[in-house]
Amino acid sequence: MDMGDGSSQSCKISMLWNWYTVDACFLSSSWRIRNRGMFAASCIGIVLLVASVELMRRIGQEYDNSIVRQWHRQAAMASDRAGGRTQGSASYCERLLFRATPLQQLVRAIIHAATFGAAYIVMLLAMYFNGYIIICIIVGSGVGKFACHWLSVEIDLQPGEGERLLPKPILQTTICCD
């Protein structure tokens, strides 16, 4: 497909699976691969772009967790101020509702928009059906997951038989078994 950029050769673009390297164009005629070095740099950049999407996802999760931890601290302070009030013989319970402040919500929206925008660019790159680019997207996703999403689980322990610490039972139902 000729991109009409005035050069003597046209960009190689295909909506079918391809392995084009030199003279391939991505996203615009200005991102035209003129040699193997440019293609290698583009591949490295795509790996880093996809890894940054994973990083932005993690930043969003961590920011949300930070807000929730702040709310938990506020709830604990409110409970301490209440001093364990009781009504009659039963414990008195209150519900606390915390909402993100406008600034917190703005930060959440900016993180989401940046993540969404970068992911959309990755999707557009994948639509070129270039095998090398798709491999770079997959590699970047793996690198990003490895670097940014370490799994850590906190398990509460309780004394069991013979004072041995045992994991507390899970009281939540699973998704499939409400």
N, C-alpha and C. Protein backbone atom coordinates (compact mmCIF):
# COMPACT_ATOMS: atom_id res chain seq x y z
N MET A 1 0.85 -1.17 0.00
CA MET A 1 0.00 0.00 0.00
C MET A 1 0.90 1.23 0.00
N ASP A 2 0.67 2.16 -0.90
CA ASP A 2 1.47 3.38 -1.01
C ASP A 2 0.94 4.41 -0.03
N MET A 3 1.85 4.91 0.82
CA MET A 3 1.45 5.91 1.81
C MET A 3 1.50 7.32 1.25
N GLY A 4 2.06 7.50 0.05
CA GLY A 4 2.08 8.81 -0.58
C GLY A 4 2.91 9.83 0.14
N ASP A 5 4.05 9.42 0.70
CA ASP A 5 4.88 10.37 1.44
C ASP A 5 5.93 11.04 0.55
N GLY A 6 5.86 10.84 -0.74
CA GLY A 6 6.75 11.51 -1.66
C GLY A 6 8.09 10.83 -1.84
N SER A 7 8.35 9.74 -1.15
CA SER A 7 9.63 9.06 -1.31
C SER A 7 9.57 8.12 -2.50
N SER A 8 10.74 7.66 -2.93
CA SER A 8 10.79 6.81 -4.11
C SER A 8 10.21 5.43 -3.85
N GLN A 9 10.25 4.97 -2.62
CA GLN A 9 9.67 3.67 -2.30
C GLN A 9 8.47 3.88 -1.39
N SER A 10 7.51 2.97 -1.47
CA SER A 10 6.34 3.09 -0.62
C SER A 10 6.50 2.23 0.63
N CYS A 11 5.68 2.54 1.61
CA CYS A 11 5.68 1.76 2.85
C CYS A 11 5.07 0.39 2.58
N LYS A 12 5.63 -0.61 3.24
CA LYS A 12 5.07 -1.95 3.16
C LYS A 12 4.09 -2.12 4.31
N ILE A 13 2.82 -2.16 3.96
CA ILE A 13 1.77 -2.35 4.96
C ILE A 13 0.85 -3.43 4.44
N SER A 14 0.51 -4.35 5.33
CA SER A 14 -0.39 -5.42 4.93
C SER A 14 -1.36 -5.69 6.07
N MET A 15 -2.59 -5.92 5.73
CA MET A 15 -3.58 -6.29 6.74
C MET A 15 -3.64 -7.81 6.88
N LEU A 16 -2.66 -8.49 6.31
CA LEU A 16 -2.51 -9.93 6.46
C LEU A 16 -1.21 -10.19 7.19
N TRP A 17 -1.08 -11.37 7.75
CA TRP A 17 0.14 -11.72 8.48
C TRP A 17 1.35 -11.46 7.60
N ASN A 18 2.37 -10.78 8.17
CA ASN A 18 3.57 -10.48 7.38
C ASN A 18 4.78 -10.42 8.29
N TRP A 19 5.95 -10.44 7.67
CA TRP A 19 7.23 -10.36 8.38
C TRP A 19 8.07 -9.22 7.83
N TYR A 20 7.43 -8.13 7.40
CA TYR A 20 8.16 -7.00 6.83
C TYR A 20 9.06 -6.35 7.88
N THR A 21 10.24 -5.94 7.46
CA THR A 21 11.13 -5.20 8.35
C THR A 21 11.46 -3.86 7.70
N VAL A 22 12.38 -3.83 6.76
CA VAL A 22 12.79 -2.59 6.10
C VAL A 22 11.65 -2.12 5.20
N ASP A 23 11.38 -0.83 5.22
CA ASP A 23 10.32 -0.14 4.48
C ASP A 23 8.92 -0.37 5.06
N ALA A 24 8.83 -1.01 6.23
CA ALA A 24 7.54 -1.12 6.91
C ALA A 24 7.26 0.21 7.60
N CYS A 25 5.99 0.57 7.68
CA CYS A 25 5.56 1.78 8.38
C CYS A 25 4.58 1.39 9.47
N PHE A 26 4.65 2.10 10.60
CA PHE A 26 3.74 1.84 11.70
C PHE A 26 3.15 3.14 12.19
N LEU A 27 1.84 3.17 12.32
CA LEU A 27 1.04 4.30 12.82
C LEU A 27 1.05 5.53 11.93
N SER A 28 2.16 5.85 11.27
CA SER A 28 2.19 6.99 10.35
C SER A 28 3.36 6.80 9.38
N SER A 29 3.35 7.58 8.31
CA SER A 29 4.43 7.46 7.33
C SER A 29 5.76 7.96 7.91
N SER A 30 5.70 8.75 8.98
CA SER A 30 6.95 9.21 9.59
C SER A 30 7.64 8.11 10.41
N TRP A 31 6.89 7.08 10.80
CA TRP A 31 7.50 5.94 11.49
C TRP A 31 7.78 4.87 10.43
N ARG A 32 8.68 5.19 9.57
CA ARG A 32 9.06 4.29 8.47
C ARG A 32 10.41 3.68 8.80
N ILE A 33 10.47 2.37 8.72
CA ILE A 33 11.70 1.64 9.03
C ILE A 33 12.59 1.68 7.78
N ARG A 34 13.73 2.31 7.92
CA ARG A 34 14.64 2.46 6.77
C ARG A 34 15.81 1.48 6.80
N ASN A 35 16.08 0.89 7.97
CA ASN A 35 17.16 -0.10 8.05
C ASN A 35 16.88 -1.03 9.23
N ARG A 36 17.71 -2.05 9.37
CA ARG A 36 17.49 -3.04 10.43
C ARG A 36 17.70 -2.45 11.82
N GLY A 37 18.58 -1.48 11.94
CA GLY A 37 18.80 -0.82 13.23
C GLY A 37 17.55 -0.10 13.71
N MET A 38 16.88 0.59 12.78
CA MET A 38 15.63 1.26 13.13
C MET A 38 14.56 0.25 13.54
N PHE A 39 14.56 -0.90 12.86
CA PHE A 39 13.57 -1.92 13.20
C PHE A 39 13.87 -2.49 14.58
N ALA A 40 15.14 -2.73 14.88
CA ALA A 40 15.51 -3.25 16.21
C ALA A 40 15.14 -2.23 17.28
N ALA A 41 15.40 -0.95 17.04
CA ALA A 41 15.03 0.09 18.01
C ALA A 41 13.52 0.15 18.19
N SER A 42 12.77 -0.01 17.10
CA SER A 42 11.31 -0.02 17.20
C SER A 42 10.84 -1.20 18.03
N CYS A 43 11.44 -2.36 17.81
CA CYS A 43 11.06 -3.55 18.58
C CYS A 43 11.34 -3.35 20.07
N ILE A 44 12.49 -2.79 20.40
CA ILE A 44 12.83 -2.53 21.80
C ILE A 44 11.85 -1.51 22.38
N GLY A 45 11.53 -0.48 21.62
CA GLY A 45 10.57 0.52 22.08
C GLY A 45 9.20 -0.07 22.33
N ILE A 46 8.78 -1.00 21.48
CA ILE A 46 7.46 -1.62 21.65
C ILE A 46 7.46 -2.50 22.89
N VAL A 47 8.53 -3.25 23.12
CA VAL A 47 8.63 -4.05 24.34
C VAL A 47 8.52 -3.15 25.56
N LEU A 48 9.22 -2.02 25.55
CA LEU A 48 9.18 -1.08 26.68
C LEU A 48 7.80 -0.43 26.82
N LEU A 49 7.14 -0.14 25.70
CA LEU A 49 5.79 0.44 25.75
C LEU A 49 4.82 -0.53 26.41
N VAL A 50 4.86 -1.79 26.01
CA VAL A 50 3.94 -2.78 26.58
C VAL A 50 4.27 -3.00 28.06
N ALA A 51 5.55 -3.06 28.40
CA ALA A 51 5.93 -3.20 29.81
C ALA A 51 5.45 -2.00 30.62
N SER A 52 5.49 -0.80 30.01
CA SER A 52 5.02 0.39 30.73
C SER A 52 3.51 0.34 30.95
N VAL A 53 2.76 -0.31 30.06
CA VAL A 53 1.33 -0.49 30.28
C VAL A 53 1.12 -1.31 31.55
N GLU A 54 1.90 -2.39 31.70
CA GLU A 54 1.80 -3.21 32.91
C GLU A 54 2.20 -2.40 34.14
N LEU A 55 3.23 -1.56 34.01
CA LEU A 55 3.65 -0.72 35.12
C LEU A 55 2.54 0.26 35.51
N MET A 56 1.90 0.86 34.52
CA MET A 56 0.82 1.80 34.81
C MET A 56 -0.37 1.10 35.47
N ARG A 57 -0.63 -0.14 35.05
CA ARG A 57 -1.70 -0.91 35.71
C ARG A 57 -1.36 -1.13 37.17
N ARG A 58 -0.11 -1.47 37.43
CA ARG A 58 0.32 -1.70 38.82
C ARG A 58 0.26 -0.40 39.63
N ILE A 59 0.68 0.70 39.03
CA ILE A 59 0.61 1.99 39.73
C ILE A 59 -0.83 2.30 40.10
N GLY A 60 -1.76 2.04 39.18
CA GLY A 60 -3.18 2.26 39.48
C GLY A 60 -3.66 1.41 40.63
N GLN A 61 -3.27 0.13 40.64
CA GLN A 61 -3.67 -0.76 41.73
C GLN A 61 -3.08 -0.29 43.06
N GLU A 62 -1.80 0.07 43.04
CA GLU A 62 -1.14 0.51 44.27
C GLU A 62 -1.74 1.81 44.79
N TYR A 63 -2.10 2.71 43.89
CA TYR A 63 -2.71 3.96 44.31
C TYR A 63 -4.07 3.69 44.95
N ASP A 64 -4.87 2.84 44.33
CA ASP A 64 -6.17 2.47 44.92
C ASP A 64 -5.98 1.82 46.28
N ASN A 65 -4.99 0.92 46.41
CA ASN A 65 -4.72 0.28 47.70
C ASN A 65 -4.30 1.31 48.75
N SER A 66 -3.54 2.30 48.32
CA SER A 66 -3.12 3.37 49.23
C SER A 66 -4.33 4.15 49.75
N ILE A 67 -5.26 4.45 48.88
CA ILE A 67 -6.47 5.17 49.28
C ILE A 67 -7.27 4.32 50.28
N VAL A 68 -7.40 3.03 49.99
CA VAL A 68 -8.15 2.14 50.89
C VAL A 68 -7.46 2.06 52.25
N ARG A 69 -6.12 1.98 52.27
CA ARG A 69 -5.40 1.96 53.56
C ARG A 69 -5.66 3.24 54.34
N GLN A 70 -5.70 4.39 53.65
CA GLN A 70 -6.02 5.65 54.33
C GLN A 70 -7.42 5.58 54.95
N TRP A 71 -8.38 5.02 54.19
CA TRP A 71 -9.74 4.90 54.70
C TRP A 71 -9.79 3.98 55.91
N HIS A 72 -9.03 2.89 55.88
CA HIS A 72 -9.00 1.98 57.02
C HIS A 72 -8.45 2.68 58.26
N ARG A 73 -7.40 3.48 58.09
CA ARG A 73 -6.86 4.24 59.23
C ARG A 73 -7.91 5.21 59.77
N GLN A 74 -8.63 5.89 58.88
CA GLN A 74 -9.67 6.82 59.31
C GLN A 74 -10.78 6.08 60.04
N ALA A 75 -11.15 4.90 59.55
CA ALA A 75 -12.19 4.11 60.20
C ALA A 75 -11.74 3.65 61.58
N ALA A 76 -10.47 3.26 61.70
CA ALA A 76 -9.95 2.84 63.01
C ALA A 76 -9.97 4.00 63.98
N MET A 77 -9.60 5.19 63.51
CA MET A 77 -9.63 6.37 64.39
C MET A 77 -11.07 6.71 64.79
N ALA A 78 -12.01 6.58 63.85
CA ALA A 78 -13.42 6.85 64.16
C ALA A 78 -13.94 5.85 65.17
N SER A 79 -13.52 4.60 65.05
CA SER A 79 -13.94 3.56 65.99
C SER A 79 -13.37 3.83 67.37
N ASP A 80 -12.10 4.26 67.42
CA ASP A 80 -11.49 4.60 68.71
C ASP A 80 -12.21 5.77 69.37
N ARG A 81 -12.59 6.76 68.58
CA ARG A 81 -13.31 7.92 69.13
C ARG A 81 -14.68 7.51 69.66
N ALA A 82 -15.33 6.54 68.97
CA ALA A 82 -16.65 6.08 69.39
C ALA A 82 -16.54 5.32 70.71
N GLY A 83 -15.39 4.74 70.99
CA GLY A 83 -15.16 4.07 72.27
C GLY A 83 -15.95 2.81 72.47
N GLY A 84 -16.31 2.12 71.40
CA GLY A 84 -17.02 0.83 71.53
C GLY A 84 -18.40 0.99 72.13
N ARG A 85 -19.17 1.96 71.65
CA ARG A 85 -20.52 2.20 72.17
C ARG A 85 -21.38 0.95 72.00
N THR A 86 -22.31 0.78 72.91
CA THR A 86 -23.27 -0.32 72.81
C THR A 86 -24.67 0.21 73.00
N GLN A 87 -25.64 -0.41 72.38
CA GLN A 87 -27.05 -0.12 72.58
C GLN A 87 -27.65 -1.35 73.22
N GLY A 88 -28.10 -1.24 74.41
CA GLY A 88 -28.65 -2.39 75.12
C GLY A 88 -27.55 -3.42 75.34
N SER A 89 -27.88 -4.67 75.09
CA SER A 89 -26.87 -5.72 75.30
C SER A 89 -26.12 -6.05 74.02
N ALA A 90 -26.64 -5.62 72.89
CA ALA A 90 -25.98 -5.93 71.61
C ALA A 90 -24.99 -4.82 71.26
N SER A 91 -23.99 -5.17 70.51
CA SER A 91 -23.02 -4.16 70.07
C SER A 91 -23.67 -3.22 69.08
N TYR A 92 -23.31 -1.96 69.18
CA TYR A 92 -23.83 -0.94 68.28
C TYR A 92 -22.88 -0.84 67.08
N CYS A 93 -23.41 -0.92 65.88
CA CYS A 93 -22.58 -0.88 64.67
C CYS A 93 -22.94 0.35 63.84
N GLU A 94 -21.92 0.91 63.26
CA GLU A 94 -22.12 2.02 62.32
C GLU A 94 -21.47 1.62 61.00
N ARG A 95 -22.00 2.16 59.94
CA ARG A 95 -21.37 1.98 58.63
C ARG A 95 -20.70 3.28 58.27
N LEU A 96 -19.48 3.17 57.82
CA LEU A 96 -18.75 4.34 57.36
C LEU A 96 -18.62 4.26 55.85
N LEU A 97 -18.90 5.34 55.19
CA LEU A 97 -18.75 5.40 53.74
C LEU A 97 -17.65 6.40 53.42
N PHE A 98 -16.65 5.93 52.74
CA PHE A 98 -15.56 6.80 52.31
C PHE A 98 -15.59 6.87 50.79
N ARG A 99 -15.43 8.06 50.28
CA ARG A 99 -15.34 8.25 48.83
C ARG A 99 -14.02 8.94 48.54
N ALA A 100 -13.53 8.67 47.36
CA ALA A 100 -12.30 9.35 46.94
C ALA A 100 -12.54 10.86 46.90
N THR A 101 -11.54 11.59 47.29
CA THR A 101 -11.63 13.05 47.18
C THR A 101 -11.55 13.41 45.70
N PRO A 102 -11.95 14.62 45.34
CA PRO A 102 -11.84 15.01 43.92
C PRO A 102 -10.40 14.89 43.40
N LEU A 103 -9.41 15.25 44.21
CA LEU A 103 -8.02 15.13 43.79
C LEU A 103 -7.62 13.66 43.60
N GLN A 104 -8.01 12.80 44.54
CA GLN A 104 -7.71 11.37 44.40
C GLN A 104 -8.38 10.79 43.15
N GLN A 105 -9.62 11.19 42.90
CA GLN A 105 -10.32 10.69 41.72
C GLN A 105 -9.68 11.20 40.44
N LEU A 106 -9.18 12.44 40.46
CA LEU A 106 -8.49 12.99 39.30
C LEU A 106 -7.21 12.20 39.01
N VAL A 107 -6.44 11.91 40.06
CA VAL A 107 -5.22 11.11 39.87
C VAL A 107 -5.57 9.73 39.33
N ARG A 108 -6.61 9.11 39.87
CA ARG A 108 -7.05 7.79 39.38
C ARG A 108 -7.42 7.87 37.90
N ALA A 109 -8.12 8.93 37.51
CA ALA A 109 -8.55 9.10 36.12
C ALA A 109 -7.35 9.31 35.20
N ILE A 110 -6.37 10.08 35.65
CA ILE A 110 -5.17 10.32 34.82
C ILE A 110 -4.40 9.02 34.62
N ILE A 111 -4.23 8.25 35.69
CA ILE A 111 -3.54 6.96 35.58
C ILE A 111 -4.29 6.05 34.61
N HIS A 112 -5.61 6.01 34.74
CA HIS A 112 -6.42 5.16 33.86
C HIS A 112 -6.31 5.62 32.40
N ALA A 113 -6.40 6.92 32.17
CA ALA A 113 -6.32 7.44 30.80
C ALA A 113 -4.97 7.14 30.17
N ALA A 114 -3.90 7.30 30.93
CA ALA A 114 -2.56 7.00 30.41
C ALA A 114 -2.42 5.52 30.08
N THR A 115 -2.93 4.67 30.95
CA THR A 115 -2.89 3.22 30.70
C THR A 115 -3.72 2.87 29.47
N PHE A 116 -4.92 3.42 29.39
CA PHE A 116 -5.81 3.14 28.27
C PHE A 116 -5.19 3.62 26.95
N GLY A 117 -4.61 4.82 26.96
CA GLY A 117 -4.01 5.37 25.75
C GLY A 117 -2.85 4.53 25.26
N ALA A 118 -1.97 4.13 26.17
CA ALA A 118 -0.84 3.29 25.79
C ALA A 118 -1.31 1.93 25.29
N ALA A 119 -2.30 1.35 25.95
CA ALA A 119 -2.83 0.06 25.51
C ALA A 119 -3.48 0.17 24.13
N TYR A 120 -4.13 1.29 23.85
CA TYR A 120 -4.75 1.50 22.55
C TYR A 120 -3.68 1.58 21.45
N ILE A 121 -2.58 2.26 21.73
CA ILE A 121 -1.48 2.32 20.76
C ILE A 121 -0.92 0.92 20.51
N VAL A 122 -0.79 0.12 21.56
CA VAL A 122 -0.32 -1.26 21.40
C VAL A 122 -1.29 -2.04 20.51
N MET A 123 -2.59 -1.84 20.72
CA MET A 123 -3.58 -2.52 19.89
C MET A 123 -3.46 -2.11 18.43
N LEU A 124 -3.24 -0.82 18.18
CA LEU A 124 -3.07 -0.35 16.81
C LEU A 124 -1.83 -0.97 16.17
N LEU A 125 -0.76 -1.10 16.94
CA LEU A 125 0.46 -1.74 16.42
C LEU A 125 0.20 -3.19 16.08
N ALA A 126 -0.58 -3.87 16.91
CA ALA A 126 -0.88 -5.28 16.63
C ALA A 126 -1.69 -5.44 15.35
N MET A 127 -2.47 -4.41 14.99
CA MET A 127 -3.31 -4.50 13.80
C MET A 127 -2.51 -4.46 12.50
N TYR A 128 -1.21 -4.22 12.58
CA TYR A 128 -0.37 -4.30 11.38
C TYR A 128 -0.05 -5.75 11.03
N PHE A 129 -0.38 -6.68 11.90
CA PHE A 129 -0.19 -8.12 11.69
C PHE A 129 1.25 -8.46 11.34
N ASN A 130 2.19 -7.67 11.85
CA ASN A 130 3.60 -7.96 11.63
C ASN A 130 4.05 -8.94 12.71
N GLY A 131 4.54 -10.10 12.29
CA GLY A 131 4.92 -11.15 13.23
C GLY A 131 5.93 -10.69 14.27
N TYR A 132 6.93 -9.91 13.83
CA TYR A 132 7.94 -9.43 14.77
C TYR A 132 7.34 -8.49 15.81
N ILE A 133 6.45 -7.62 15.37
CA ILE A 133 5.83 -6.66 16.28
C ILE A 133 4.94 -7.39 17.28
N ILE A 134 4.20 -8.39 16.82
CA ILE A 134 3.35 -9.16 17.73
C ILE A 134 4.19 -9.92 18.74
N ILE A 135 5.31 -10.47 18.30
CA ILE A 135 6.22 -11.15 19.24
C ILE A 135 6.73 -10.15 20.27
N CYS A 136 7.08 -8.94 19.84
CA CYS A 136 7.55 -7.90 20.78
C CYS A 136 6.47 -7.52 21.78
N ILE A 137 5.22 -7.46 21.33
CA ILE A 137 4.11 -7.16 22.23
C ILE A 137 3.97 -8.26 23.29
N ILE A 138 4.07 -9.50 22.87
CA ILE A 138 3.97 -10.62 23.81
C ILE A 138 5.14 -10.61 24.79
N VAL A 139 6.35 -10.38 24.28
CA VAL A 139 7.53 -10.32 25.15
C VAL A 139 7.39 -9.16 26.14
N GLY A 140 6.95 -8.01 25.67
CA GLY A 140 6.77 -6.85 26.55
C GLY A 140 5.75 -7.11 27.63
N SER A 141 4.69 -7.82 27.28
CA SER A 141 3.68 -8.17 28.27
C SER A 141 4.27 -9.08 29.34
N GLY A 142 5.05 -10.06 28.93
CA GLY A 142 5.70 -10.95 29.89
C GLY A 142 6.70 -10.24 30.77
N VAL A 143 7.52 -9.38 30.15
CA VAL A 143 8.51 -8.60 30.91
C VAL A 143 7.80 -7.70 31.92
N GLY A 144 6.73 -7.04 31.48
CA GLY A 144 5.99 -6.15 32.37
C GLY A 144 5.34 -6.90 33.52
N LYS A 145 4.75 -8.04 33.22
CA LYS A 145 4.13 -8.85 34.29
C LYS A 145 5.18 -9.32 35.28
N PHE A 146 6.33 -9.79 34.77
CA PHE A 146 7.40 -10.27 35.63
C PHE A 146 7.93 -9.15 36.51
N ALA A 147 8.15 -8.00 35.93
CA ALA A 147 8.78 -6.90 36.67
C ALA A 147 7.82 -6.16 37.59
N CYS A 148 6.54 -6.08 37.23
CA CYS A 148 5.64 -5.18 37.95
C CYS A 148 4.55 -5.86 38.77
N HIS A 149 4.33 -7.14 38.60
CA HIS A 149 3.20 -7.78 39.27
C HIS A 149 3.63 -8.99 40.08
N TRP A 150 4.54 -8.78 41.04
CA TRP A 150 4.92 -9.88 41.92
C TRP A 150 3.73 -10.23 42.79
N LEU A 151 3.41 -11.50 42.87
CA LEU A 151 2.29 -11.95 43.67
C LEU A 151 2.73 -12.04 45.13
N SER A 152 1.99 -11.41 46.00
CA SER A 152 2.22 -11.55 47.43
C SER A 152 0.86 -11.69 48.10
N VAL A 153 0.79 -12.63 49.02
CA VAL A 153 -0.46 -12.94 49.70
C VAL A 153 -0.20 -12.89 51.20
N GLU A 154 -1.07 -12.22 51.91
CA GLU A 154 -0.97 -12.16 53.36
C GLU A 154 -1.94 -13.17 53.94
N ILE A 155 -1.43 -14.06 54.77
CA ILE A 155 -2.26 -15.10 55.38
C ILE A 155 -2.28 -14.87 56.89
N ASP A 156 -3.48 -14.66 57.43
CA ASP A 156 -3.63 -14.51 58.87
C ASP A 156 -3.53 -15.89 59.51
N LEU A 157 -2.82 -15.95 60.62
CA LEU A 157 -2.66 -17.21 61.34
C LEU A 157 -3.41 -17.13 62.66
N GLN A 158 -3.88 -18.29 63.12
CA GLN A 158 -4.55 -18.36 64.41
C GLN A 158 -4.00 -19.57 65.16
N PRO A 159 -4.01 -19.51 66.49
CA PRO A 159 -3.54 -20.68 67.23
C PRO A 159 -4.44 -21.88 66.97
N GLY A 160 -3.83 -23.04 66.80
CA GLY A 160 -4.59 -24.26 66.55
C GLY A 160 -4.32 -25.26 67.65
N GLU A 161 -4.44 -26.53 67.31
CA GLU A 161 -4.19 -27.58 68.29
C GLU A 161 -2.75 -27.52 68.74
N GLY A 162 -2.54 -27.62 70.03
CA GLY A 162 -1.19 -27.65 70.55
C GLY A 162 -0.43 -26.35 70.29
N GLU A 163 -1.16 -25.22 70.22
CA GLU A 163 -0.55 -23.90 70.00
C GLU A 163 0.23 -23.79 68.69
N ARG A 164 -0.05 -24.64 67.74
CA ARG A 164 0.53 -24.52 66.41
C ARG A 164 -0.26 -23.48 65.62
N LEU A 165 0.41 -22.60 64.91
CA LEU A 165 -0.28 -21.58 64.13
C LEU A 165 -0.79 -22.18 62.83
N LEU A 166 -2.06 -21.96 62.57
CA LEU A 166 -2.71 -22.47 61.36
C LEU A 166 -3.33 -21.31 60.59
N PRO A 167 -3.44 -21.45 59.27
CA PRO A 167 -4.13 -20.40 58.50
C PRO A 167 -5.60 -20.32 58.91
N LYS A 168 -6.11 -19.09 59.00
CA LYS A 168 -7.52 -18.91 59.30
C LYS A 168 -8.33 -19.40 58.10
N PRO A 169 -9.50 -19.97 58.34
CA PRO A 169 -10.32 -20.43 57.21
C PRO A 169 -10.80 -19.25 56.38
N ILE A 170 -10.98 -19.49 55.10
CA ILE A 170 -11.49 -18.47 54.19
C ILE A 170 -12.99 -18.45 54.31
N LEU A 171 -13.55 -17.27 54.58
CA LEU A 171 -14.99 -17.16 54.79
C LEU A 171 -15.71 -16.61 53.57
N GLN A 172 -14.99 -16.31 52.52
CA GLN A 172 -15.63 -15.79 51.32
C GLN A 172 -16.03 -16.94 50.41
N THR A 173 -17.12 -16.74 49.69
CA THR A 173 -17.49 -17.73 48.70
C THR A 173 -16.71 -17.50 47.43
N THR A 174 -16.61 -18.53 46.62
CA THR A 174 -15.92 -18.37 45.34
C THR A 174 -16.89 -17.78 44.34
N ILE A 175 -16.35 -17.34 43.22
CA ILE A 175 -17.17 -16.71 42.19
C ILE A 175 -18.23 -17.69 41.65
N CYS A 176 -17.84 -18.96 41.50
CA CYS A 176 -18.75 -19.91 40.87
C CYS A 176 -19.78 -20.45 41.84
N CYS A 177 -19.58 -20.28 43.12
CA CYS A 177 -20.46 -20.92 44.11
C CYS A 177 -21.02 -19.90 45.09
N ASP A 178 -21.93 -19.04 44.63
CA ASP A 178 -22.48 -17.99 45.51
C ASP A 178 -23.22 -18.61 46.64
